Protein backbone atom coordinates (compact mmCIF):
# COMPACT_ATOMS: atom_id res chain seq x y z
CA UNK A 1 12.28 -0.89 14.03
CA UNK A 2 11.70 -3.26 11.07
CA UNK A 3 11.81 -1.96 7.51
CA UNK A 4 9.54 -3.33 4.78
CA UNK A 5 9.98 -3.50 0.99
CA UNK A 6 6.62 -3.98 -0.74
CA UNK A 7 5.89 -5.15 -4.30
CA UNK A 8 2.76 -5.43 -6.43
CA UNK A 9 3.10 -7.27 -9.76
CA UNK A 10 0.79 -8.39 -12.57
CA UNK A 11 1.70 -11.99 -13.43
CA UNK A 12 0.21 -14.00 -16.30
CA UNK A 13 -2.08 -16.45 -14.53
CA UNK A 14 -0.59 -19.29 -16.57
CA UNK A 15 2.83 -18.44 -15.05
CA UNK A 16 1.85 -19.05 -11.42
CA UNK A 17 4.26 -21.97 -10.96
CA UNK A 18 7.09 -20.06 -12.71
CA UNK A 19 6.38 -17.13 -10.38
CA UNK A 20 6.73 -19.42 -7.36
CA UNK A 21 9.99 -20.91 -8.69
CA UNK A 22 11.34 -17.43 -9.46
CA UNK A 23 10.42 -16.25 -5.95
CA UNK A 24 11.91 -19.33 -4.30
CA UNK A 25 15.25 -18.63 -6.04
CA UNK A 26 15.44 -14.90 -5.40
CA UNK A 27 13.83 -14.81 -1.94
CA UNK A 28 16.59 -17.00 -0.52
CA UNK A 29 19.01 -14.25 -1.56
CA UNK A 30 17.02 -11.68 0.46
CA UNK A 31 17.34 -13.93 3.52
CA UNK A 32 21.04 -14.54 2.90
CA UNK A 33 21.61 -10.78 2.78
CA UNK A 34 19.83 -9.97 6.03
CA UNK A 35 16.06 -10.06 5.48
CA UNK A 36 14.15 -11.73 8.29
CA UNK A 37 11.09 -12.81 6.29
CA UNK A 38 9.74 -12.81 2.73
CA UNK A 39 6.04 -13.24 1.90
CA UNK A 40 4.77 -13.99 -1.60
CA UNK A 41 1.00 -13.75 -2.14
CA UNK A 42 -1.14 -14.71 -5.13
CA UNK A 43 -4.28 -12.64 -5.74
CA UNK A 44 -7.47 -14.39 -4.66
CA UNK A 45 -9.93 -11.63 -3.74
CA UNK A 46 -8.73 -8.50 -5.57
CA UNK A 47 -11.81 -6.42 -6.37
CA UNK A 48 -12.09 -3.70 -8.97
CA UNK A 49 -12.32 -0.30 -7.34
CA UNK A 50 -14.33 2.75 -8.37
CA UNK A 51 -11.35 5.10 -8.53
CA UNK A 52 -8.26 2.91 -8.27
CA UNK A 53 -7.28 -0.64 -7.32
CA UNK A 54 -4.42 -3.14 -7.40
CA UNK A 55 -5.23 -4.31 -10.94
CA UNK A 56 -5.16 -0.80 -12.39
CA UNK A 57 -2.03 0.09 -10.44
CA UNK A 58 -0.06 -2.54 -12.39
CA UNK A 59 -2.18 -2.48 -15.57
CA UNK A 60 -3.20 -6.12 -15.10
CA UNK A 61 -5.02 -7.68 -18.03
CA UNK A 62 -7.85 -10.22 -17.84
CA UNK A 63 -5.35 -13.10 -18.14
CA UNK A 64 -3.12 -11.83 -15.31
CA UNK A 65 -3.27 -12.22 -11.53
CA UNK A 66 -1.99 -9.61 -9.10
CA UNK A 67 0.79 -10.80 -6.78
CA UNK A 68 1.57 -8.90 -3.59
CA UNK A 69 4.87 -9.49 -1.82
CA UNK A 70 6.94 -7.99 0.93
CA UNK A 71 10.36 -8.38 2.44
CA UNK A 72 10.94 -7.66 6.12
CA UNK A 73 14.34 -6.38 7.22
CA UNK A 74 15.53 -5.73 10.78
CA UNK A 75 16.13 -2.06 9.89
CA UNK A 76 16.70 0.28 6.95
CA UNK A 77 20.50 0.11 7.20
CA UNK A 78 20.43 -3.69 6.80
CA UNK A 79 18.01 -3.33 3.89
CA UNK A 80 20.15 -0.71 2.14
CA UNK A 81 23.30 -2.83 2.51
CA UNK A 82 21.47 -5.98 1.37
CA UNK A 83 19.94 -4.31 -1.67
CA UNK A 84 23.32 -2.90 -2.70
CA UNK A 85 24.85 -6.38 -2.54
CA UNK A 86 21.90 -7.83 -4.48
CA UNK A 87 22.39 -5.41 -7.36
CA UNK A 88 25.97 -6.65 -7.70
CA UNK A 89 25.19 -10.37 -7.26
CA UNK A 90 25.15 -12.40 -10.52
CA UNK A 91 22.51 -14.69 -8.98
CA UNK A 92 20.08 -11.77 -9.36
CA UNK A 93 20.67 -11.48 -13.12
CA UNK A 94 18.06 -13.47 -15.09
CA UNK A 95 20.60 -13.73 -17.93
CA UNK A 96 22.97 -15.73 -15.71
CA UNK A 97 22.77 -19.44 -16.61
CA UNK A 98 20.81 -21.39 -14.02
CA UNK A 99 18.76 -18.40 -12.86
CA UNK A 100 15.02 -18.65 -13.54
CA UNK A 101 13.55 -16.28 -16.13
CA UNK A 102 11.36 -13.39 -14.96
CA UNK A 103 7.77 -14.62 -15.40
CA UNK A 104 6.16 -11.15 -15.49
CA UNK A 105 6.60 -7.68 -17.01
CA UNK A 106 8.82 -5.95 -14.46
CA UNK A 107 8.11 -2.53 -16.00
CA UNK A 108 4.63 -2.67 -14.45
CA UNK A 109 5.81 -3.66 -10.97
CA UNK A 110 5.22 -1.08 -8.26
CA UNK A 111 7.47 -1.18 -5.23
CA UNK A 112 8.74 0.88 -2.37
CA UNK A 113 10.38 0.86 1.03
CA UNK A 114 8.33 1.48 4.15
CA UNK A 115 9.14 2.31 7.74
CA UNK A 116 6.99 0.30 10.14
CA UNK A 117 5.02 2.60 12.42
CA UNK A 118 2.61 0.16 14.12
CA UNK A 119 2.16 -3.56 14.67
CA UNK A 120 -0.93 -5.11 16.26
CA UNK A 121 -0.96 -8.84 17.05
CA UNK A 122 -3.54 -11.22 18.44
């Protein structure tokens, strides 16, 4: 059964293109290490909630847009092995020459791993 890593990030709206370039660089590493698909989404219709919402979850300011991303893996074992390799890969280090800088405050990113329990398709 597929395994999903999900991410929600507040990105300065002015950094949209840098976010895309950053994702293009790092997402290819996910695929190289076993992921089957990576989706990067830029907030378009992200309403304020009464109790909680995406913006509050990542403490987004008025000049930031919420990005929502996920990585699909064939299973949790492949994900665990891939993530371990990523942590050791110098291409993941933004300080490595040639790697794009991180265009957002990673301390406010929320993320987690999820076991797929249902899929409904048209």
